[in-house]
PDB file of N, CA and C in Angstrom:
ATOM      1  N   MET A   1      -7.481  -6.916 -15.802  1.00  0.00           N
ATOM      2  CA  MET A   1      -8.513  -7.168 -14.806  1.00  0.00           C
ATOM      3  C   MET A   1      -8.161  -6.425 -13.522  1.00  0.00           C
ATOM      4  N   THR A   2      -9.136  -5.856 -12.910  1.00  0.00           N
ATOM      5  CA  THR A   2      -8.975  -5.151 -11.648  1.00  0.00           C
ATOM      6  C   THR A   2      -9.588  -5.973 -10.524  1.00  0.00           C
ATOM      7  N   VAL A   3      -8.890  -6.048  -9.408  1.00  0.00           N
ATOM      8  CA  VAL A   3      -9.406  -6.747  -8.235  1.00  0.00           C
ATOM      9  C   VAL A   3     -10.044  -5.705  -7.331  1.00  0.00           C
ATOM     10  N   ASN A   4     -11.345  -5.842  -7.093  1.00  0.00           N
ATOM     11  CA  ASN A   4     -12.032  -4.904  -6.204  1.00  0.00           C
ATOM     12  C   ASN A   4     -12.063  -5.472  -4.783  1.00  0.00           C
ATOM     13  N   ARG A   5     -12.671  -4.752  -3.884  1.00  0.00           N
ATOM     14  CA  ARG A   5     -12.686  -5.170  -2.477  1.00  0.00           C
ATOM     15  C   ARG A   5     -13.345  -6.539  -2.300  1.00  0.00           C
ATOM     16  N   THR A   6     -14.436  -6.792  -2.975  1.00  0.00           N
ATOM     17  CA  THR A   6     -15.130  -8.074  -2.867  1.00  0.00           C
ATOM     18  C   THR A   6     -14.230  -9.215  -3.320  1.00  0.00           C
ATOM     19  N   ASP A   7     -13.542  -9.018  -4.446  1.00  0.00           N
ATOM     20  CA  ASP A   7     -12.613 -10.037  -4.943  1.00  0.00           C
ATOM     21  C   ASP A   7     -11.479 -10.264  -3.947  1.00  0.00           C
ATOM     22  N   LEU A   8     -10.967  -9.189  -3.377  1.00  0.00           N
ATOM     23  CA  LEU A   8      -9.875  -9.277  -2.419  1.00  0.00           C
ATOM     24  C   LEU A   8     -10.316 -10.029  -1.166  1.00  0.00           C
ATOM     25  N   VAL A   9     -11.488  -9.719  -0.663  1.00  0.00           N
ATOM     26  CA  VAL A   9     -12.021 -10.402   0.522  1.00  0.00           C
ATOM     27  C   VAL A   9     -12.189 -11.893   0.233  1.00  0.00           C
ATOM     28  N   THR A  10     -12.708 -12.230  -0.924  1.00  0.00           N
ATOM     29  CA  THR A  10     -12.890 -13.640  -1.301  1.00  0.00           C
ATOM     30  C   THR A  10     -11.551 -14.365  -1.372  1.00  0.00           C
ATOM     31  N   ALA A  11     -10.553 -13.732  -1.976  1.00  0.00           N
ATOM     32  CA  ALA A  11      -9.230 -14.345  -2.095  1.00  0.00           C
ATOM     33  C   ALA A  11      -8.575 -14.534  -0.725  1.00  0.00           C
ATOM     34  N   ILE A  12      -8.695 -13.530   0.141  1.00  0.00           N
ATOM     35  CA  ILE A  12      -8.129 -13.634   1.491  1.00  0.00           C
ATOM     36  C   ILE A  12      -8.817 -14.755   2.261  1.00  0.00           C
ATOM     37  N   ALA A  13     -10.131 -14.832   2.152  1.00  0.00           N
ATOM     38  CA  ALA A  13     -10.883 -15.869   2.847  1.00  0.00           C
ATOM     39  C   ALA A  13     -10.435 -17.261   2.407  1.00  0.00           C
ATOM     40  N   GLU A  14     -10.231 -17.443   1.121  1.00  0.00           N
ATOM     41  CA  GLU A  14      -9.795 -18.746   0.605  1.00  0.00           C
ATOM     42  C   GLU A  14      -8.372 -19.081   1.040  1.00  0.00           C
ATOM     43  N   LYS A  15      -7.455 -18.127   0.918  1.00  0.00           N
ATOM     44  CA  LYS A  15      -6.039 -18.365   1.250  1.00  0.00           C
ATOM     45  C   LYS A  15      -5.823 -18.589   2.741  1.00  0.00           C
ATOM     46  N   ALA A  16      -6.585 -17.908   3.573  1.00  0.00           N
ATOM     47  CA  ALA A  16      -6.393 -17.977   5.020  1.00  0.00           C
ATOM     48  C   ALA A  16      -7.387 -18.902   5.721  1.00  0.00           C
ATOM     49  N   SER A  17      -8.211 -19.598   4.957  1.00  0.00           N
ATOM     50  CA  SER A  17      -9.243 -20.489   5.515  1.00  0.00           C
ATOM     51  C   SER A  17     -10.141 -19.753   6.506  1.00  0.00           C
ATOM     52  N   LEU A  18     -10.599 -18.595   6.068  1.00  0.00           N
ATOM     53  CA  LEU A  18     -11.506 -17.778   6.873  1.00  0.00           C
ATOM     54  C   LEU A  18     -12.851 -17.682   6.173  1.00  0.00           C
ATOM     55  N   THR A  19     -13.854 -17.230   6.929  1.00  0.00           N
ATOM     56  CA  THR A  19     -15.111 -16.904   6.279  1.00  0.00           C
ATOM     57  C   THR A  19     -14.936 -15.553   5.590  1.00  0.00           C
ATOM     58  N   LYS A  20     -15.822 -15.263   4.664  1.00  0.00           N
ATOM     59  CA  LYS A  20     -15.743 -13.957   4.003  1.00  0.00           C
ATOM     60  C   LYS A  20     -15.949 -12.828   5.006  1.00  0.00           C
ATOM     61  N   LYS A  21     -16.778 -13.041   5.994  1.00  0.00           N
ATOM     62  CA  LYS A  21     -17.038 -12.036   7.025  1.00  0.00           C
ATOM     63  C   LYS A  21     -15.756 -11.769   7.823  1.00  0.00           C
ATOM     64  N   GLN A  22     -15.052 -12.834   8.198  1.00  0.00           N
ATOM     65  CA  GLN A  22     -13.802 -12.666   8.949  1.00  0.00           C
ATOM     66  C   GLN A  22     -12.745 -11.955   8.105  1.00  0.00           C
ATOM     67  N   ALA A  23     -12.655 -12.323   6.839  1.00  0.00           N
ATOM     68  CA  ALA A  23     -11.688 -11.686   5.940  1.00  0.00           C
ATOM     69  C   ALA A  23     -12.025 -10.214   5.745  1.00  0.00           C
ATOM     70  N   ASP A  24     -13.316  -9.899   5.607  1.00  0.00           N
ATOM     71  CA  ASP A  24     -13.738  -8.511   5.446  1.00  0.00           C
ATOM     72  C   ASP A  24     -13.436  -7.713   6.714  1.00  0.00           C
ATOM     73  N   ASP A  25     -13.666  -8.314   7.870  1.00  0.00           N
ATOM     74  CA  ASP A  25     -13.357  -7.652   9.142  1.00  0.00           C
ATOM     75  C   ASP A  25     -11.856  -7.377   9.263  1.00  0.00           C
ATOM     76  N   ALA A  26     -11.030  -8.343   8.852  1.00  0.00           N
ATOM     77  CA  ALA A  26      -9.575  -8.175   8.916  1.00  0.00           C
ATOM     78  C   ALA A  26      -9.123  -7.067   7.973  1.00  0.00           C
ATOM     79  N   LEU A  27      -9.673  -7.026   6.779  1.00  0.00           N
ATOM     80  CA  LEU A  27      -9.323  -5.984   5.818  1.00  0.00           C
ATOM     81  C   LEU A  27      -9.771  -4.613   6.325  1.00  0.00           C
ATOM     82  N   ALA A  28     -10.965  -4.550   6.908  1.00  0.00           N
ATOM     83  CA  ALA A  28     -11.468  -3.296   7.467  1.00  0.00           C
ATOM     84  C   ALA A  28     -10.583  -2.831   8.628  1.00  0.00           C
ATOM     85  N   ALA A  29     -10.112  -3.770   9.451  1.00  0.00           N
ATOM     86  CA  ALA A  29      -9.233  -3.420  10.571  1.00  0.00           C
ATOM     87  C   ALA A  29      -7.895  -2.894  10.052  1.00  0.00           C
ATOM     88  N   PHE A  30      -7.352  -3.521   9.011  1.00  0.00           N
ATOM     89  CA  PHE A  30      -6.097  -3.053   8.418  1.00  0.00           C
ATOM     90  C   PHE A  30      -6.277  -1.634   7.884  1.00  0.00           C
ATOM     91  N   GLN A  31      -7.368  -1.397   7.199  1.00  0.00           N
ATOM     92  CA  GLN A  31      -7.659  -0.067   6.654  1.00  0.00           C
ATOM     93  C   GLN A  31      -7.762   0.955   7.772  1.00  0.00           C
ATOM     94  N   GLU A  32      -8.434   0.605   8.849  1.00  0.00           N
ATOM     95  CA  GLU A  32      -8.610   1.513   9.980  1.00  0.00           C
ATOM     96  C   GLU A  32      -7.272   1.852  10.643  1.00  0.00           C
ATOM     97  N   VAL A  33      -6.429   0.837  10.852  1.00  0.00           N
ATOM     98  CA  VAL A  33      -5.112   1.048  11.467  1.00  0.00           C
ATOM     99  C   VAL A  33      -4.248   1.921  10.566  1.00  0.00           C
ATOM    100  N   LEU A  34      -4.282   1.667   9.270  1.00  0.00           N
ATOM    101  CA  LEU A  34      -3.516   2.450   8.308  1.00  0.00           C
ATOM    102  C   LEU A  34      -3.936   3.917   8.359  1.00  0.00           C
ATOM    103  N   ILE A  35      -5.219   4.177   8.330  1.00  0.00           N
ATOM    104  CA  ILE A  35      -5.747   5.542   8.349  1.00  0.00           C
ATOM    105  C   ILE A  35      -5.410   6.249   9.662  1.00  0.00           C
ATOM    106  N   GLU A  36      -5.588   5.549  10.785  1.00  0.00           N
ATOM    107  CA  GLU A  36      -5.298   6.153  12.089  1.00  0.00           C
ATOM    108  C   GLU A  36      -3.829   6.553  12.208  1.00  0.00           C
ATOM    109  N   ASN A  37      -2.927   5.641  11.828  1.00  0.00           N
ATOM    110  CA  ASN A  37      -1.501   5.921  11.964  1.00  0.00           C
ATOM    111  C   ASN A  37      -1.031   6.999  11.008  1.00  0.00           C
ATOM    112  N   LEU A  38      -1.472   6.964   9.765  1.00  0.00           N
ATOM    113  CA  LEU A  38      -1.086   8.007   8.818  1.00  0.00           C
ATOM    114  C   LEU A  38      -1.649   9.352   9.242  1.00  0.00           C
ATOM    115  N   GLY A  39      -2.846   9.346   9.808  1.00  0.00           N
ATOM    116  CA  GLY A  39      -3.452  10.576  10.307  1.00  0.00           C
ATOM    117  C   GLY A  39      -2.652  11.210  11.426  1.00  0.00           C
ATOM    118  N   LYS A  40      -1.955  10.376  12.222  1.00  0.00           N
ATOM    119  CA  LYS A  40      -1.112  10.872  13.304  1.00  0.00           C
ATOM    120  C   LYS A  40       0.297  11.208  12.823  1.00  0.00           C
ATOM    121  N   GLY A  41       0.557  10.973  11.556  1.00  0.00           N
ATOM    122  CA  GLY A  41       1.876  11.266  11.015  1.00  0.00           C
ATOM    123  C   GLY A  41       2.869  10.123  11.149  1.00  0.00           C
ATOM    124  N   GLU A  42       2.397   8.949  11.538  1.00  0.00           N
ATOM    125  CA  GLU A  42       3.268   7.789  11.708  1.00  0.00           C
ATOM    126  C   GLU A  42       3.297   6.966  10.418  1.00  0.00           C
ATOM    127  N   ALA A  43       4.465   6.457  10.068  1.00  0.00           N
ATOM    128  CA  ALA A  43       4.599   5.602   8.888  1.00  0.00           C
ATOM    129  C   ALA A  43       4.093   4.199   9.220  1.00  0.00           C
ATOM    130  N   VAL A  44       3.607   3.503   8.210  1.00  0.00           N
ATOM    131  CA  VAL A  44       3.174   2.115   8.350  1.00  0.00           C
ATOM    132  C   VAL A  44       4.005   1.289   7.379  1.00  0.00           C
ATOM    133  N   LYS A  45       4.703   0.282   7.908  1.00  0.00           N
ATOM    134  CA  LYS A  45       5.556  -0.557   7.063  1.00  0.00           C
ATOM    135  C   LYS A  45       5.164  -2.015   7.225  1.00  0.00           C
ATOM    136  N   VAL A  46       4.903  -2.672   6.112  1.00  0.00           N
ATOM    137  CA  VAL A  46       4.651  -4.103   6.079  1.00  0.00           C
ATOM    138  C   VAL A  46       5.816  -4.674   5.280  1.00  0.00           C
ATOM    139  N   THR A  47       6.793  -5.229   5.987  1.00  0.00           N
ATOM    140  CA  THR A  47       8.040  -5.666   5.378  1.00  0.00           C
ATOM    141  C   THR A  47       7.786  -6.560   4.164  1.00  0.00           C
ATOM    142  N   GLY A  48       8.419  -6.188   3.058  1.00  0.00           N
ATOM    143  CA  GLY A  48       8.300  -6.942   1.826  1.00  0.00           C
ATOM    144  C   GLY A  48       7.127  -6.523   0.962  1.00  0.00           C
ATOM    145  N   LEU A  49       6.112  -5.914   1.558  1.00  0.00           N
ATOM    146  CA  LEU A  49       4.911  -5.555   0.800  1.00  0.00           C
ATOM    147  C   LEU A  49       4.880  -4.075   0.460  1.00  0.00           C
ATOM    148  N   LEU A  50       4.826  -3.225   1.478  1.00  0.00           N
ATOM    149  CA  LEU A  50       4.737  -1.793   1.211  1.00  0.00           C
ATOM    150  C   LEU A  50       5.087  -0.972   2.428  1.00  0.00           C
ATOM    151  N   ALA A  51       5.367   0.283   2.168  1.00  0.00           N
ATOM    152  CA  ALA A  51       5.556   1.275   3.225  1.00  0.00           C
ATOM    153  C   ALA A  51       4.695   2.473   2.842  1.00  0.00           C
ATOM    154  N   ALA A  52       3.990   3.018   3.814  1.00  0.00           N
ATOM    155  CA  ALA A  52       3.140   4.178   3.585  1.00  0.00           C
ATOM    156  C   ALA A  52       3.521   5.244   4.595  1.00  0.00           C
ATOM    157  N   GLU A  53       3.659   6.466   4.118  1.00  0.00           N
ATOM    158  CA  GLU A  53       3.983   7.559   5.024  1.00  0.00           C
ATOM    159  C   GLU A  53       3.284   8.838   4.583  1.00  0.00           C
ATOM    160  N   ARG A  54       3.021   9.699   5.563  1.00  0.00           N
ATOM    161  CA  ARG A  54       2.412  10.994   5.284  1.00  0.00           C
ATOM    162  C   ARG A  54       3.505  11.968   4.898  1.00  0.00           C
ATOM    163  N   VAL A  55       3.278  12.718   3.826  1.00  0.00           N
ATOM    164  CA  VAL A  55       4.248  13.712   3.381  1.00  0.00           C
ATOM    165  C   VAL A  55       3.574  15.080   3.312  1.00  0.00           C
ATOM    166  N   GLU A  56       4.363  16.120   3.569  1.00  0.00           N
ATOM    167  CA  GLU A  56       3.841  17.482   3.514  1.00  0.00           C
ATOM    168  C   GLU A  56       3.909  18.002   2.087  1.00  0.00           C
ATOM    169  N   ARG A  57       2.911  18.746   1.721  1.00  0.00           N
ATOM    170  CA  ARG A  57       2.898  19.425   0.428  1.00  0.00           C
ATOM    171  C   ARG A  57       2.894  20.921   0.699  1.00  0.00           C
ATOM    172  N   ALA A  58       3.830  21.609   0.095  1.00  0.00           N
ATOM    173  CA  ALA A  58       3.946  23.053   0.287  1.00  0.00           C
ATOM    174  C   ALA A  58       2.812  23.780  -0.443  1.00  0.00           C
ATOM    175  N   ALA A  59       2.514  24.988   0.019  1.00  0.00           N
ATOM    176  CA  ALA A  59       1.534  25.826  -0.678  1.00  0.00           C
ATOM    177  C   ALA A  59       2.105  26.172  -2.050  1.00  0.00           C
ATOM    178  N   ARG A  60       1.244  26.266  -3.028  1.00  0.00           N
ATOM    179  CA  ARG A  60       1.718  26.548  -4.377  1.00  0.00           C
ATOM    180  C   ARG A  60       0.638  27.244  -5.182  1.00  0.00           C
ATOM    181  N   THR A  61       1.051  27.744  -6.328  1.00  0.00           N
ATOM    182  CA  THR A  61       0.109  28.392  -7.235  1.00  0.00           C
ATOM    183  C   THR A  61      -0.234  27.405  -8.338  1.00  0.00           C
ATOM    184  N   GLY A  62      -1.518  27.272  -8.612  1.00  0.00           N
ATOM    185  CA  GLY A  62      -1.984  26.384  -9.678  1.00  0.00           C
ATOM    186  C   GLY A  62      -2.769  27.175 -10.698  1.00  0.00           C
ATOM    187  N   ARG A  63      -3.356  26.456 -11.618  1.00  0.00           N
ATOM    188  CA  ARG A  63      -4.123  27.106 -12.665  1.00  0.00           C
ATOM    189  C   ARG A  63      -5.427  26.332 -12.881  1.00  0.00           C
ATOM    190  N   ASN A  64      -6.532  27.075 -12.927  1.00  0.00           N
ATOM    191  CA  ASN A  64      -7.829  26.477 -13.221  1.00  0.00           C
ATOM    192  C   ASN A  64      -7.809  26.047 -14.692  1.00  0.00           C
ATOM    193  N   PRO A  65      -7.970  24.738 -14.976  1.00  0.00           N
ATOM    194  CA  PRO A  65      -7.875  24.287 -16.358  1.00  0.00           C
ATOM    195  C   PRO A  65      -8.988  24.819 -17.273  1.00  0.00           C
ATOM    196  N   ARG A  66     -10.123  25.173 -16.714  1.00  0.00           N
ATOM    197  CA  ARG A  66     -11.228  25.688 -17.543  1.00  0.00           C
ATOM    198  C   ARG A  66     -11.041  27.145 -17.928  1.00  0.00           C
ATOM    199  N   THR A  67     -10.649  27.940 -16.918  1.00  0.00           N
ATOM    200  CA  THR A  67     -10.577  29.382 -17.165  1.00  0.00           C
ATOM    201  C   THR A  67      -9.152  29.888 -17.369  1.00  0.00           C
ATOM    202  N   GLY A  68      -8.174  29.116 -16.955  1.00  0.00           N
ATOM    203  CA  GLY A  68      -6.793  29.559 -17.050  1.00  0.00           C
ATOM    204  C   GLY A  68      -6.399  30.488 -15.920  1.00  0.00           C
ATOM    205  N   GLU A  69      -7.324  30.766 -15.016  1.00  0.00           N
ATOM    206  CA  GLU A  69      -7.084  31.676 -13.908  1.00  0.00           C
ATOM    207  C   GLU A  69      -6.129  31.031 -12.889  1.00  0.00           C
ATOM    208  N   GLU A  70      -5.189  31.815 -12.370  1.00  0.00           N
ATOM    209  CA  GLU A  70      -4.290  31.313 -11.340  1.00  0.00           C
ATOM    210  C   GLU A  70      -5.042  31.198 -10.026  1.00  0.00           C
ATOM    211  N   ILE A  71      -4.770  30.110  -9.300  1.00  0.00           N
ATOM    212  CA  ILE A  71      -5.401  29.912  -7.999  1.00  0.00           C
ATOM    213  C   ILE A  71      -4.318  29.549  -6.991  1.00  0.00           C
ATOM    214  N   SER A  72      -4.591  29.818  -5.736  1.00  0.00           N
ATOM    215  CA  SER A  72      -3.665  29.501  -4.661  1.00  0.00           C
ATOM    216  C   SER A  72      -4.079  28.167  -4.058  1.00  0.00           C
ATOM    217  N   ILE A  73      -3.149  27.222  -4.024  1.00  0.00           N
ATOM    218  CA  ILE A  73      -3.410  25.912  -3.436  1.00  0.00           C
ATOM    219  C   ILE A  73      -2.710  25.894  -2.079  1.00  0.00           C
ATOM    220  N   PRO A  74      -3.473  25.711  -0.990  1.00  0.00           N
ATOM    221  CA  PRO A  74      -2.874  25.762   0.337  1.00  0.00           C
ATOM    222  C   PRO A  74      -1.983  24.547   0.619  1.00  0.00           C
ATOM    223  N   ALA A  75      -1.113  24.684   1.612  1.00  0.00           N
ATOM    224  CA  ALA A  75      -0.272  23.569   2.040  1.00  0.00           C
ATOM    225  C   ALA A  75      -1.172  22.464   2.587  1.00  0.00           C
ATOM    226  N   GLY A  76      -0.697  21.258   2.513  1.00  0.00           N
ATOM    227  CA  GLY A  76      -1.486  20.132   3.009  1.00  0.00           C
ATOM    228  C   GLY A  76      -0.625  18.889   3.116  1.00  0.00           C
ATOM    229  N   TYR A  77      -1.276  17.752   3.150  1.00  0.00           N
ATOM    230  CA  TYR A  77      -0.578  16.486   3.288  1.00  0.00           C
ATOM    231  C   TYR A  77      -1.002  15.535   2.175  1.00  0.00           C
ATOM    232  N   GLY A  78      -0.122  14.608   1.865  1.00  0.00           N
ATOM    233  CA  GLY A  78      -0.401  13.557   0.909  1.00  0.00           C
ATOM    234  C   GLY A  78       0.119  12.249   1.479  1.00  0.00           C
ATOM    235  N   VAL A  79      -0.043  11.169   0.743  1.00  0.00           N
ATOM    236  CA  VAL A  79       0.437   9.861   1.173  1.00  0.00           C
ATOM    237  C   VAL A  79       1.413   9.339   0.137  1.00  0.00           C
ATOM    238  N   LYS A  80       2.551   8.868   0.603  1.00  0.00           N
ATOM    239  CA  LYS A  80       3.558   8.277  -0.279  1.00  0.00           C
ATOM    240  C   LYS A  80       3.573   6.776  -0.017  1.00  0.00           C
ATOM    241  N   LEU A  81       3.341   5.991  -1.071  1.00  0.00           N
ATOM    242  CA  LEU A  81       3.394   4.538  -0.968  1.00  0.00           C
ATOM    243  C   LEU A  81       4.634   4.044  -1.689  1.00  0.00           C
ATOM    244  N   THR A  82       5.377   3.161  -1.039  1.00  0.00           N
ATOM    245  CA  THR A  82       6.576   2.582  -1.626  1.00  0.00           C
ATOM    246  C   THR A  82       6.430   1.067  -1.612  1.00  0.00           C
ATOM    247  N   ALA A  83       6.660   0.445  -2.765  1.00  0.00           N
ATOM    248  CA  ALA A  83       6.567  -1.009  -2.862  1.00  0.00           C
ATOM    249  C   ALA A  83       7.734  -1.664  -2.130  1.00  0.00           C
ATOM    250  N   GLY A  84       7.449  -2.757  -1.433  1.00  0.00           N
ATOM    251  CA  GLY A  84       8.485  -3.527  -0.760  1.00  0.00           C
ATOM    252  C   GLY A  84       9.172  -4.483  -1.728  1.00  0.00           C
ATOM    253  N   SER A  85      10.237  -5.123  -1.276  1.00  0.00           N
ATOM    254  CA  SER A  85      11.044  -5.978  -2.136  1.00  0.00           C
ATOM    255  C   SER A  85      10.277  -7.168  -2.702  1.00  0.00           C
ATOM    256  N   THR A  86       9.427  -7.800  -1.902  1.00  0.00           N
ATOM    257  CA  THR A  86       8.655  -8.940  -2.384  1.00  0.00           C
ATOM    258  C   THR A  86       7.661  -8.508  -3.462  1.00  0.00           C
ATOM    259  N   LEU A  87       7.027  -7.372  -3.257  1.00  0.00           N
ATOM    260  CA  LEU A  87       6.084  -6.850  -4.241  1.00  0.00           C
ATOM    261  C   LEU A  87       6.802  -6.468  -5.527  1.00  0.00           C
ATOM    262  N   LYS A  88       7.949  -5.806  -5.392  1.00  0.00           N
ATOM    263  CA  LYS A  88       8.732  -5.430  -6.575  1.00  0.00           C
ATOM    264  C   LYS A  88       9.153  -6.659  -7.369  1.00  0.00           C
ATOM    265  N   ALA A  89       9.583  -7.702  -6.671  1.00  0.00           N
ATOM    266  CA  ALA A  89      10.017  -8.924  -7.342  1.00  0.00           C
ATOM    267  C   ALA A  89       8.847  -9.602  -8.057  1.00  0.00           C
ATOM    268  N   ALA A  90       7.677  -9.590  -7.453  1.00  0.00           N
ATOM    269  CA  ALA A  90       6.504 -10.223  -8.056  1.00  0.00           C
ATOM    270  C   ALA A  90       6.064  -9.482  -9.323  1.00  0.00           C
ATOM    271  N   VAL A  91       6.159  -8.180  -9.310  1.00  0.00           N
ATOM    272  CA  VAL A  91       5.752  -7.375 -10.452  1.00  0.00           C
ATOM    273  C   VAL A  91       6.789  -7.440 -11.563  1.00  0.00           C
ATOM    274  N   GLY A  92       8.046  -7.621 -11.185  1.00  0.00           N
ATOM    275  CA  GLY A  92       9.120  -7.642 -12.153  1.00  0.00           C
ATOM    276  C   GLY A  92       9.207  -8.914 -12.977  1.00  0.00           C
ATOM    277  N   LYS A  93       8.444  -9.938 -12.617  1.00  0.00           N
ATOM    278  CA  LYS A  93       8.500 -11.227 -13.338  1.00  0.00           C
ATOM    279  C   LYS A  93       7.857 -11.128 -14.687  1.00  0.00           C
TER     280      LYS A  93
END
């Protein structure tokens, strides 16, 4: 089973005794803060849950899977997510 945003908002609202609107606003604010900080190159760490950081990707040569033609992929950025200890322990059960 996959938990989508609606399911997540409902669960947060129930656990935190919030309305669904308040839970959705809180989730939207978390998403906004995460995006803003990663966009500036700053790491975001939620102790025990996760750490997110922006990483550089070097320019490289790739291959078009349809034609087999080599293509140049420019340098850019990606996001690295690392599970925190509490999350790792919960998944390891």
